Amino acid sequence: MRIRATVAAVSGALALSALAVPAAHATGDSGTPYTLNVSFSNVTIAKAIKVGTTNEVSATYSYTLTHGSDVNIAAKDFSTDAFLYKGSYDTSTTELYGDDDATCTPVTTTTATCKGTVDIYPADGDLESAWAGSWGVAAEAVAFNGQDPNNPDLSKVGYKDKSGLGSTLVQRYSKLTTNAGPEPVGKGKTLTVTGKLTRANWDDHLYHGYTSQPVKLQFKKAGTTTWTTLKTVTTDSSGNLKTTTTANYDGYWRYSFAGTSTTPAVSATSDYVDVQ
């Protein structure tokens, strides 16, 4: 099993950098860190993280860190965080971390509440479209115990990581439009409602049509607050929607998409039609 701690000293504080280390053991030698006396529980993170093509997205997480009396979480060279991984943890496709370590607030002498963010930069190539869907949550902690992070005696460095602490969906941001016409329309006449469902492509950083997806056509009569689903329309090979209906009342028309594991639900801005 390969584990990885990412720490470095900057102006007397810890910041992220990469340090690959072998598997942890209960007691270390000159080339192996020992297993740090900590555990992770009560992990919380958003059920879904919606990521577009360019804007940074930050997802807040929290967890309980339980540690032994031999672990000083207030030490400048102690670091902990949570992160996301795609696929099996031992052979993960990729991982997503935060820009900074978690901040831990002591609750008792042996427990602390730790909070941080996972920061995603789609424009910088953090994601590929094929990675949309379910991601696992893991956490880690490292104590350098006064060792130089760039050239440590690893037998004096403690490290612990734990996978399978939760899951979240990392989804391709979706957009949906609606246009109903003609406007105005005669009572009892045919109304044509068009629209388009698109979603972020993390490979070329553009929005493309989401094909073969069921989308609900909904109507809200003027002066009311309830949307009624009239029919389900399927997007074509370009993500386009088109259907006809009968105009009987003044009101608002919209398409609404329920979402999938890879793409979030979205409802279009409604289009008001005056029936004469």
C-alpha atoms as a PDB file:
ATOM      1  CA  MET A   1       0.000   0.000   0.000  1.00  0.00           C
ATOM      2  CA  ARG A   2       1.315   3.456  -0.901  1.00  0.00           C
ATOM      3  CA  ILE A   3       0.502   6.370   1.393  1.00  0.00           C
ATOM      4  CA  ARG A   4       1.336  10.021   0.883  1.00  0.00           C
ATOM      5  CA  ALA A   5       1.739  12.920   3.240  1.00  0.00           C
ATOM      6  CA  THR A   6       1.959  16.417   1.777  1.00  0.00           C
ATOM      7  CA  VAL A   7       3.657  18.909   4.043  1.00  0.00           C
ATOM      8  CA  ALA A   8       6.405  21.530   3.950  1.00  0.00           C
ATOM      9  CA  ALA A   9       7.535  24.424   6.143  1.00  0.00           C
ATOM     10  CA  VAL A  10       6.934  27.990   4.897  1.00  0.00           C
ATOM     11  CA  SER A  11       7.831  30.930   7.169  1.00  0.00           C
ATOM     12  CA  GLY A  12       7.586  28.696  10.241  1.00  0.00           C
ATOM     13  CA  ALA A  13       4.141  27.321   9.272  1.00  0.00           C
ATOM     14  CA  LEU A  14       3.104  24.274   7.281  1.00  0.00           C
ATOM     15  CA  ALA A  15       1.979  24.451   3.663  1.00  0.00           C
ATOM     16  CA  LEU A  16       1.365  21.759   1.099  1.00  0.00           C
ATOM     17  CA  SER A  17       4.049  20.069  -0.973  1.00  0.00           C
ATOM     18  CA  ALA A  18       4.507  16.448  -2.030  1.00  0.00           C
ATOM     19  CA  LEU A  19       6.413  13.869  -0.005  1.00  0.00           C
ATOM     20  CA  ALA A  20       6.033  10.206  -0.957  1.00  0.00           C
ATOM     21  CA  VAL A  21       6.644   7.725   1.858  1.00  0.00           C
ATOM     22  CA  PRO A  22       6.331   3.927   2.147  1.00  0.00           C
ATOM     23  CA  ALA A  23       3.651   2.097   4.095  1.00  0.00           C
ATOM     24  CA  ALA A  24       3.423   2.952   7.794  1.00  0.00           C
ATOM     25  CA  HIS A  25       4.366   0.454  10.528  1.00  0.00           C
ATOM     26  CA  ALA A  26       3.767   0.401  14.252  1.00  0.00           C
ATOM     27  CA  THR A  27       7.451   1.153  14.853  1.00  0.00           C
ATOM     28  CA  GLY A  28       9.643   2.875  12.316  1.00  0.00           C
ATOM     29  CA  ASP A  29      13.189   2.510  11.051  1.00  0.00           C
ATOM     30  CA  SER A  30      15.369   5.042   9.227  1.00  0.00           C
ATOM     31  CA  GLY A  31      13.296   4.723   6.061  1.00  0.00           C
ATOM     32  CA  THR A  32       9.795   4.135   7.399  1.00  0.00           C
ATOM     33  CA  PRO A  33       7.440   6.366   9.410  1.00  0.00           C
ATOM     34  CA  TYR A  34       5.678   4.931  12.421  1.00  0.00           C
ATOM     35  CA  THR A  35       1.883   4.786  12.685  1.00  0.00           C
ATOM     36  CA  LEU A  36       0.686   8.014  14.268  1.00  0.00           C
ATOM     37  CA  ASN A  37      -1.636   7.537  17.238  1.00  0.00           C
ATOM     38  CA  VAL A  38      -4.695   9.234  15.731  1.00  0.00           C
ATOM     39  CA  SER A  39      -8.064   8.271  14.280  1.00  0.00           C
ATOM     40  CA  PHE A  40     -10.724  10.029  12.197  1.00  0.00           C
ATOM     41  CA  SER A  41     -14.515   9.969  12.569  1.00  0.00           C
ATOM     42  CA  ASN A  42     -17.731  11.956  12.028  1.00  0.00           C
ATOM     43  CA  VAL A  43     -16.688  13.146   8.581  1.00  0.00           C
ATOM     44  CA  THR A  44     -19.098  15.556   6.876  1.00  0.00           C
ATOM     45  CA  ILE A  45     -18.943  16.984   3.363  1.00  0.00           C
ATOM     46  CA  ALA A  46     -21.497  18.130   0.790  1.00  0.00           C
ATOM     47  CA  LYS A  47     -23.493  15.321  -0.811  1.00  0.00           C
ATOM     48  CA  ALA A  48     -22.642  16.763  -4.232  1.00  0.00           C
ATOM     49  CA  ILE A  49     -20.059  19.210  -5.574  1.00  0.00           C
ATOM     50  CA  LYS A  50     -21.023  20.982  -8.796  1.00  0.00           C
ATOM     51  CA  VAL A  51     -18.045  21.939 -10.942  1.00  0.00           C
ATOM     52  CA  GLY A  52     -18.178  24.028 -14.113  1.00  0.00           C
ATOM     53  CA  THR A  53     -15.498  24.678 -16.707  1.00  0.00           C
ATOM     54  CA  THR A  54     -13.489  27.582 -15.281  1.00  0.00           C
ATOM     55  CA  ASN A  55     -14.472  28.747 -11.785  1.00  0.00           C
ATOM     56  CA  GLU A  56     -12.757  27.426  -8.659  1.00  0.00           C
ATOM     57  CA  VAL A  57     -15.047  25.349  -6.438  1.00  0.00           C
ATOM     58  CA  SER A  58     -14.409  24.826  -2.726  1.00  0.00           C
ATOM     59  CA  ALA A  59     -16.184  22.119  -0.736  1.00  0.00           C
ATOM     60  CA  THR A  60     -16.116  22.436   3.066  1.00  0.00           C
ATOM     61  CA  TYR A  61     -15.496  19.361   5.191  1.00  0.00           C
ATOM     62  CA  SER A  62     -15.203  18.609   8.901  1.00  0.00           C
ATOM     63  CA  TYR A  63     -14.218  15.602  11.001  1.00  0.00           C
ATOM     64  CA  THR A  64     -13.326  14.570  14.526  1.00  0.00           C
ATOM     65  CA  LEU A  65      -9.647  13.868  15.148  1.00  0.00           C
ATOM     66  CA  THR A  66      -8.940  11.638  18.139  1.00  0.00           C
ATOM     67  CA  HIS A  67      -5.321  11.473  19.259  1.00  0.00           C
ATOM     68  CA  GLY A  68      -3.141  10.007  21.962  1.00  0.00           C
ATOM     69  CA  SER A  69      -1.346  12.022  24.639  1.00  0.00           C
ATOM     70  CA  ASP A  70       1.883  11.500  22.694  1.00  0.00           C
ATOM     71  CA  VAL A  71       0.550  13.551  19.733  1.00  0.00           C
ATOM     72  CA  ASN A  72       0.768  17.343  19.924  1.00  0.00           C
ATOM     73  CA  ILE A  73      -1.739  18.667  17.391  1.00  0.00           C
ATOM     74  CA  ALA A  74      -0.702  22.246  18.254  1.00  0.00           C
ATOM     75  CA  ALA A  75       2.850  21.653  17.050  1.00  0.00           C
ATOM     76  CA  LYS A  76       3.913  23.691  14.042  1.00  0.00           C
ATOM     77  CA  ASP A  77       5.036  20.554  12.205  1.00  0.00           C
ATOM     78  CA  PHE A  78       1.792  18.661  12.765  1.00  0.00           C
ATOM     79  CA  SER A  79      -0.583  18.635   9.805  1.00  0.00           C
ATOM     80  CA  THR A  80      -3.913  16.995   8.979  1.00  0.00           C
ATOM     81  CA  ASP A  81      -6.508  17.225   6.224  1.00  0.00           C
ATOM     82  CA  ALA A  82      -9.273  15.385   4.397  1.00  0.00           C
ATOM     83  CA  PHE A  83      -9.280  14.753   0.669  1.00  0.00           C
ATOM     84  CA  LEU A  84     -11.199  13.010  -2.117  1.00  0.00           C
ATOM     85  CA  TYR A  85     -10.105  10.021  -4.163  1.00  0.00           C
ATOM     86  CA  LYS A  86     -11.564   8.463  -7.306  1.00  0.00           C
ATOM     87  CA  GLY A  87     -11.856   4.708  -7.523  1.00  0.00           C
ATOM     88  CA  SER A  88     -10.203   2.226  -5.167  1.00  0.00           C
ATOM     89  CA  TYR A  89      -8.082   3.996  -2.541  1.00  0.00           C
ATOM     90  CA  ASP A  90      -5.057   1.726  -2.996  1.00  0.00           C
ATOM     91  CA  THR A  91      -5.065   2.316  -6.759  1.00  0.00           C
ATOM     92  CA  SER A  92      -6.993   5.581  -7.007  1.00  0.00           C
ATOM     93  CA  THR A  93      -7.310   7.251 -10.403  1.00  0.00           C
ATOM     94  CA  THR A  94      -6.678  10.670  -8.900  1.00  0.00           C
ATOM     95  CA  GLU A  95      -7.074  12.680  -5.696  1.00  0.00           C
ATOM     96  CA  LEU A  96      -8.343  16.171  -4.837  1.00  0.00           C
ATOM     97  CA  TYR A  97      -6.889  18.173  -1.941  1.00  0.00           C
ATOM     98  CA  GLY A  98      -7.346  21.598  -0.403  1.00  0.00           C
ATOM     99  CA  ASP A  99      -5.032  24.563  -0.786  1.00  0.00           C
ATOM    100  CA  ASP A 100      -4.444  24.530   2.979  1.00  0.00           C
ATOM    101  CA  ASP A 101      -4.410  22.032   5.814  1.00  0.00           C
ATOM    102  CA  ALA A 102      -7.419  21.614   8.056  1.00  0.00           C
ATOM    103  CA  THR A 103      -7.749  23.842  11.112  1.00  0.00           C
ATOM    104  CA  CYS A 104      -8.310  21.844  14.298  1.00  0.00           C
ATOM    105  CA  THR A 105     -10.031  23.137  17.432  1.00  0.00           C
ATOM    106  CA  PRO A 106      -9.548  21.062  20.629  1.00  0.00           C
ATOM    107  CA  VAL A 107     -12.744  19.747  22.213  1.00  0.00           C
ATOM    108  CA  THR A 108     -11.155  17.603  24.924  1.00  0.00           C
ATOM    109  CA  THR A 109      -7.565  16.716  25.741  1.00  0.00           C
ATOM    110  CA  THR A 110      -7.714  13.909  23.173  1.00  0.00           C
ATOM    111  CA  THR A 111     -10.221  15.092  20.557  1.00  0.00           C
ATOM    112  CA  ALA A 112     -10.500  18.017  18.162  1.00  0.00           C
ATOM    113  CA  THR A 113     -12.888  19.199  15.479  1.00  0.00           C
ATOM    114  CA  CYS A 114     -11.022  19.767  12.213  1.00  0.00           C
ATOM    115  CA  LYS A 115     -12.370  21.832   9.324  1.00  0.00           C
ATOM    116  CA  GLY A 116     -11.062  22.628   5.865  1.00  0.00           C
ATOM    117  CA  THR A 117     -11.893  22.704   2.177  1.00  0.00           C
ATOM    118  CA  VAL A 118     -11.220  20.652  -0.912  1.00  0.00           C
ATOM    119  CA  ASP A 119     -10.386  23.177  -3.645  1.00  0.00           C
ATOM    120  CA  ILE A 120     -11.010  22.260  -7.281  1.00  0.00           C
ATOM    121  CA  TYR A 121      -9.651  24.171 -10.289  1.00  0.00           C
ATOM    122  CA  PRO A 122     -11.256  22.776 -13.461  1.00  0.00           C
ATOM    123  CA  ALA A 123      -9.466  25.266 -15.724  1.00  0.00           C
ATOM    124  CA  ASP A 124      -6.121  23.942 -14.454  1.00  0.00           C
ATOM    125  CA  GLY A 125      -6.909  20.358 -15.408  1.00  0.00           C
ATOM    126  CA  ASP A 126      -7.861  19.031 -11.971  1.00  0.00           C
ATOM    127  CA  LEU A 127     -10.653  16.940 -13.496  1.00  0.00           C
ATOM    128  CA  GLU A 128     -11.493  14.827 -16.524  1.00  0.00           C
ATOM    129  CA  SER A 129     -15.095  14.327 -17.646  1.00  0.00           C
ATOM    130  CA  ALA A 130     -14.804  10.562 -17.161  1.00  0.00           C
ATOM    131  CA  TRP A 131     -14.197  11.137 -13.434  1.00  0.00           C
ATOM    132  CA  ALA A 132     -17.662  12.593 -12.780  1.00  0.00           C
ATOM    133  CA  GLY A 133     -19.717  10.664 -10.240  1.00  0.00           C
ATOM    134  CA  SER A 134     -18.945   9.154  -6.858  1.00  0.00           C
ATOM    135  CA  TRP A 135     -15.686   9.944  -4.993  1.00  0.00           C
ATOM    136  CA  GLY A 136     -14.489   8.565  -1.675  1.00  0.00           C
ATOM    137  CA  VAL A 137     -13.411  10.645   1.324  1.00  0.00           C
ATOM    138  CA  ALA A 138     -10.172   9.993   3.206  1.00  0.00           C
ATOM    139  CA  ALA A 139      -8.213  11.796   5.911  1.00  0.00           C
ATOM    140  CA  GLU A 140      -4.572  11.895   6.974  1.00  0.00           C
ATOM    141  CA  ALA A 141      -2.292  13.334   9.636  1.00  0.00           C
ATOM    142  CA  VAL A 142       1.470  13.687   9.930  1.00  0.00           C
ATOM    143  CA  ALA A 143       3.773  14.729  12.771  1.00  0.00           C
ATOM    144  CA  PHE A 144       7.357  15.575  11.814  1.00  0.00           C
ATOM    145  CA  ASN A 145       8.387  15.858  15.473  1.00  0.00           C
ATOM    146  CA  GLY A 146      11.091  18.422  14.761  1.00  0.00           C
ATOM    147  CA  GLN A 147      12.422  16.678  11.656  1.00  0.00           C
ATOM    148  CA  ASP A 148      13.327  18.654   8.537  1.00  0.00           C
ATOM    149  CA  PRO A 149      10.411  17.935   6.129  1.00  0.00           C
ATOM    150  CA  ASN A 150      12.817  18.045   3.196  1.00  0.00           C
ATOM    151  CA  ASN A 151      15.306  15.588   4.707  1.00  0.00           C
ATOM    152  CA  PRO A 152      13.732  13.785   7.662  1.00  0.00           C
ATOM    153  CA  ASP A 153      14.699  10.716   9.604  1.00  0.00           C
ATOM    154  CA  LEU A 154      11.475   8.922   8.716  1.00  0.00           C
ATOM    155  CA  SER A 155      11.686   6.672  11.775  1.00  0.00           C
ATOM    156  CA  LYS A 156      10.898   9.781  13.837  1.00  0.00           C
ATOM    157  CA  VAL A 157       7.998  10.880  11.635  1.00  0.00           C
ATOM    158  CA  GLY A 158       4.470   9.690  12.421  1.00  0.00           C
ATOM    159  CA  TYR A 159       1.833   9.259   9.717  1.00  0.00           C
ATOM    160  CA  LYS A 160      -1.711   7.881   9.590  1.00  0.00           C
ATOM    161  CA  ASP A 161      -4.318   7.832   6.844  1.00  0.00           C
ATOM    162  CA  LYS A 162      -7.789   6.332   6.588  1.00  0.00           C
ATOM    163  CA  SER A 163     -10.019   5.831   3.558  1.00  0.00           C
ATOM    164  CA  GLY A 164     -13.710   4.954   3.304  1.00  0.00           C
ATOM    165  CA  LEU A 165     -14.793   7.773   5.622  1.00  0.00           C
ATOM    166  CA  GLY A 166     -17.642   8.879   3.350  1.00  0.00           C
ATOM    167  CA  SER A 167     -18.473   9.757  -0.215  1.00  0.00           C
ATOM    168  CA  THR A 168     -19.631  12.641  -2.356  1.00  0.00           C
ATOM    169  CA  LEU A 169     -20.627  13.248  -5.955  1.00  0.00           C
ATOM    170  CA  VAL A 170     -18.341  15.432  -8.060  1.00  0.00           C
ATOM    171  CA  GLN A 171     -20.673  16.539 -10.846  1.00  0.00           C
ATOM    172  CA  ARG A 172     -20.451  18.293 -14.201  1.00  0.00           C
ATOM    173  CA  TYR A 173     -22.368  21.579 -13.812  1.00  0.00           C
ATOM    174  CA  SER A 174     -25.561  21.675 -15.868  1.00  0.00           C
ATOM    175  CA  LYS A 175     -27.521  24.391 -17.671  1.00  0.00           C
ATOM    176  CA  LEU A 176     -31.067  24.319 -19.056  1.00  0.00           C
ATOM    177  CA  THR A 177     -33.066  26.802 -21.146  1.00  0.00           C
ATOM    178  CA  THR A 178     -36.745  27.224 -22.065  1.00  0.00           C
ATOM    179  CA  ASN A 179     -38.447  29.264 -24.796  1.00  0.00           C
ATOM    180  CA  ALA A 180     -42.208  29.069 -25.422  1.00  0.00           C
ATOM    181  CA  GLY A 181     -43.951  30.626 -28.417  1.00  0.00           C
ATOM    182  CA  PRO A 182     -45.622  32.241 -30.143  1.00  0.00           C
ATOM    183  CA  GLU A 183     -46.115  35.089 -27.665  1.00  0.00           C
ATOM    184  CA  PRO A 184     -48.899  36.021 -27.224  1.00  0.00           C
ATOM    185  CA  VAL A 185     -50.863  32.970 -28.297  1.00  0.00           C
ATOM    186  CA  GLY A 186     -54.581  32.430 -28.878  1.00  0.00           C
ATOM    187  CA  LYS A 187     -56.523  30.388 -26.337  1.00  0.00           C
ATOM    188  CA  GLY A 188     -56.668  26.742 -27.388  1.00  0.00           C
ATOM    189  CA  LYS A 189     -53.901  27.217 -29.939  1.00  0.00           C
ATOM    190  CA  THR A 190     -50.678  25.222 -30.218  1.00  0.00           C
ATOM    191  CA  LEU A 191     -47.670  26.388 -28.234  1.00  0.00           C
ATOM    192  CA  THR A 192     -44.176  25.200 -29.137  1.00  0.00           C
ATOM    193  CA  VAL A 193     -41.683  24.891 -26.276  1.00  0.00           C
ATOM    194  CA  THR A 194     -37.989  24.532 -27.062  1.00  0.00           C
ATOM    195  CA  GLY A 195     -34.920  24.353 -24.864  1.00  0.00           C
ATOM    196  CA  LYS A 196     -31.483  22.850 -24.432  1.00  0.00           C
ATOM    197  CA  LEU A 197     -29.738  20.829 -21.711  1.00  0.00           C
ATOM    198  CA  THR A 198     -25.960  21.221 -21.542  1.00  0.00           C
ATOM    199  CA  ARG A 199     -23.266  20.277 -19.057  1.00  0.00           C
ATOM    200  CA  ALA A 200     -19.638  21.122 -18.390  1.00  0.00           C
ATOM    201  CA  ASN A 201     -16.968  19.204 -20.245  1.00  0.00           C
ATOM    202  CA  TRP A 202     -13.807  19.131 -18.105  1.00  0.00           C
ATOM    203  CA  ASP A 203     -11.644  18.034 -21.043  1.00  0.00           C
ATOM    204  CA  ASP A 204     -12.131  21.026 -23.355  1.00  0.00           C
ATOM    205  CA  HIS A 205     -13.679  23.430 -20.793  1.00  0.00           C
ATOM    206  CA  LEU A 206     -16.826  24.015 -22.852  1.00  0.00           C
ATOM    207  CA  TYR A 207     -20.508  23.172 -22.412  1.00  0.00           C
ATOM    208  CA  HIS A 208     -21.951  20.433 -24.618  1.00  0.00           C
ATOM    209  CA  GLY A 209     -25.454  19.042 -25.059  1.00  0.00           C
ATOM    210  CA  TYR A 210     -26.445  16.227 -22.698  1.00  0.00           C
ATOM    211  CA  THR A 211     -28.036  13.672 -24.998  1.00  0.00           C
ATOM    212  CA  SER A 212     -30.872  11.167 -24.510  1.00  0.00           C
ATOM    213  CA  GLN A 213     -31.973  12.592 -21.167  1.00  0.00           C
ATOM    214  CA  PRO A 214     -35.589  12.743 -19.915  1.00  0.00           C
ATOM    215  CA  VAL A 215     -36.656  16.302 -19.089  1.00  0.00           C
ATOM    216  CA  LYS A 216     -40.024  17.374 -17.686  1.00  0.00           C
ATOM    217  CA  LEU A 217     -42.119  20.102 -19.292  1.00  0.00           C
ATOM    218  CA  GLN A 218     -43.836  22.022 -16.504  1.00  0.00           C
ATOM    219  CA  PHE A 219     -46.489  24.757 -16.328  1.00  0.00           C
ATOM    220  CA  LYS A 220     -47.450  27.202 -13.565  1.00  0.00           C
ATOM    221  CA  LYS A 221     -50.719  29.089 -14.018  1.00  0.00           C
ATOM    222  CA  ALA A 222     -50.500  32.843 -13.454  1.00  0.00           C
ATOM    223  CA  GLY A 223     -51.340  33.751  -9.861  1.00  0.00           C
ATOM    224  CA  THR A 224     -50.437  30.326  -8.473  1.00  0.00           C
ATOM    225  CA  THR A 225     -47.275  28.839  -6.983  1.00  0.00           C
ATOM    226  CA  THR A 226     -47.498  25.192  -8.064  1.00  0.00           C
ATOM    227  CA  TRP A 227     -45.656  23.690 -11.019  1.00  0.00           C
ATOM    228  CA  THR A 228     -47.485  20.904 -12.871  1.00  0.00           C
ATOM    229  CA  THR A 229     -45.629  18.389 -15.026  1.00  0.00           C
ATOM    230  CA  LEU A 230     -47.395  17.935 -18.359  1.00  0.00           C
ATOM    231  CA  LYS A 231     -45.087  15.531 -20.162  1.00  0.00           C
ATOM    232  CA  THR A 232     -41.535  14.224 -20.404  1.00  0.00           C
ATOM    233  CA  VAL A 233     -39.373  15.171 -23.387  1.00  0.00           C
ATOM    234  CA  THR A 234     -36.075  13.477 -24.301  1.00  0.00           C
ATOM    235  CA  THR A 235     -33.061  15.511 -25.419  1.00  0.00           C
ATOM    236  CA  ASP A 236     -31.777  14.829 -28.931  1.00  0.00           C
ATOM    237  CA  SER A 237     -28.193  14.156 -30.039  1.00  0.00           C
ATOM    238  CA  SER A 238     -27.296  17.813 -29.388  1.00  0.00           C
ATOM    239  CA  GLY A 239     -29.134  18.175 -26.090  1.00  0.00           C
ATOM    240  CA  ASN A 240     -32.033  20.050 -27.704  1.00  0.00           C
ATOM    241  CA  LEU A 241     -35.645  19.848 -26.518  1.00  0.00           C
ATOM    242  CA  LYS A 242     -38.789  20.515 -28.549  1.00  0.00           C
ATOM    243  CA  THR A 243     -42.439  19.711 -28.014  1.00  0.00           C
ATOM    244  CA  THR A 244     -45.909  21.178 -28.537  1.00  0.00           C
ATOM    245  CA  THR A 245     -48.783  21.699 -26.138  1.00  0.00           C
ATOM    246  CA  THR A 246     -52.092  23.537 -25.969  1.00  0.00           C
ATOM    247  CA  ALA A 247     -52.238  27.049 -24.518  1.00  0.00           C
ATOM    248  CA  ASN A 248     -55.276  27.468 -22.269  1.00  0.00           C
ATOM    249  CA  TYR A 249     -54.174  29.885 -19.534  1.00  0.00           C
ATOM    250  CA  ASP A 250     -51.746  32.720 -18.933  1.00  0.00           C
ATOM    251  CA  GLY A 251     -48.726  31.358 -17.146  1.00  0.00           C
ATOM    252  CA  TYR A 252     -45.145  30.207 -16.984  1.00  0.00           C
ATOM    253  CA  TRP A 253     -43.437  27.376 -18.849  1.00  0.00           C
ATOM    254  CA  ARG A 254     -40.181  25.671 -18.010  1.00  0.00           C
ATOM    255  CA  TYR A 255     -38.174  22.505 -18.496  1.00  0.00           C
ATOM    256  CA  SER A 256     -36.889  20.688 -15.402  1.00  0.00           C
ATOM    257  CA  PHE A 257     -34.162  18.025 -15.284  1.00  0.00           C
ATOM    258  CA  ALA A 258     -33.993  15.596 -12.348  1.00  0.00           C
ATOM    259  CA  GLY A 259     -30.228  15.020 -12.646  1.00  0.00           C
ATOM    260  CA  THR A 260     -27.972  11.950 -12.674  1.00  0.00           C
ATOM    261  CA  SER A 261     -25.015  10.837 -10.580  1.00  0.00           C
ATOM    262  CA  THR A 262     -22.663  12.710 -12.908  1.00  0.00           C
ATOM    263  CA  THR A 263     -24.809  15.791 -13.584  1.00  0.00           C
ATOM    264  CA  PRO A 264     -26.865  17.852 -11.110  1.00  0.00           C
ATOM    265  CA  ALA A 265     -30.569  18.595 -11.329  1.00  0.00           C
ATOM    266  CA  VAL A 266     -31.509  21.919 -12.897  1.00  0.00           C
ATOM    267  CA  SER A 267     -34.659  23.841 -13.760  1.00  0.00           C
ATOM    268  CA  ALA A 268     -34.686  26.443 -16.510  1.00  0.00           C
ATOM    269  CA  THR A 269     -35.672  30.063 -16.003  1.00  0.00           C
ATOM    270  CA  SER A 270     -39.392  30.126 -16.749  1.00  0.00           C
ATOM    271  CA  ASP A 271     -40.902  31.791 -19.839  1.00  0.00           C
ATOM    272  CA  TYR A 272     -44.231  33.652 -19.388  1.00  0.00           C
ATOM    273  CA  VAL A 273     -46.816  33.363 -22.165  1.00  0.00           C
ATOM    274  CA  ASP A 274     -49.885  35.594 -22.459  1.00  0.00           C
ATOM    275  CA  VAL A 275     -52.941  33.660 -23.702  1.00  0.00           C
ATOM    276  CA  GLN A 276     -55.536  35.812 -25.494  1.00  0.00           C
END
